[in-house]
């Protein structure tokens, strides 16, 4: 049989600067390191847009107030800087840092004036028991998911508290609600779709059980 070249199923992007967040560090890929000319002595100042879950990175060469060192990652062309203060301060950043799949913690860096900006995903950072729904503000809107004994059974969007009172949901079996506030309706659609797709990818293209019932097969 003749040899055939195998075509890789996962594309390697060699042109996009990316950053990966975990609970201790921001990791800059080799493209970012090359574009930003990282070397010994490089430092970074973080800028936070809390309302939109954005982190801006200002790279400098002097040891200025509020700056952190950027240093080479061992045995890699990438670099890193500490994320501990950001993760400890912002619950939405911590929720992302604790996501198990590293691809959910990887974000594109885009230039914006003197910053390079990463748009983090909403990661259901607020958790309440079903019995404690009165703690959710009546006007709170965003994306949410229901869990039953730790298993995701529904992913949705809209007014988080009032949706609980929709017809039939009183019979749904779940004990916990996790949500992120996302005021913009278009972004609600975007992030609901994102997390439904991520669930399907991890579960052989199967939807959460109550999404099947409710017909929320968002694409």
Foldseek 3Di string as FASTA:
>chain_A
DDDDDDDDPDDDDPQFWKWFAAQWKIKTALNCCVVVVDDPQKKWAWDDDQLQQKIWIAIDRHPDPRIWGWAPDPPHSIIITTCNVVLVPHLQSVLQNPDPDRVLRMFTFPDDVRITMTGHARRLSDKDWPVPLVVQDQQFWAKKFFAAPRHTQDIATTRVSVVCVPPPNVPDHGTMMGGDGDPDPVVRLVRSQVVQVVVCVVPVNDGRNVCVVVVVNRD
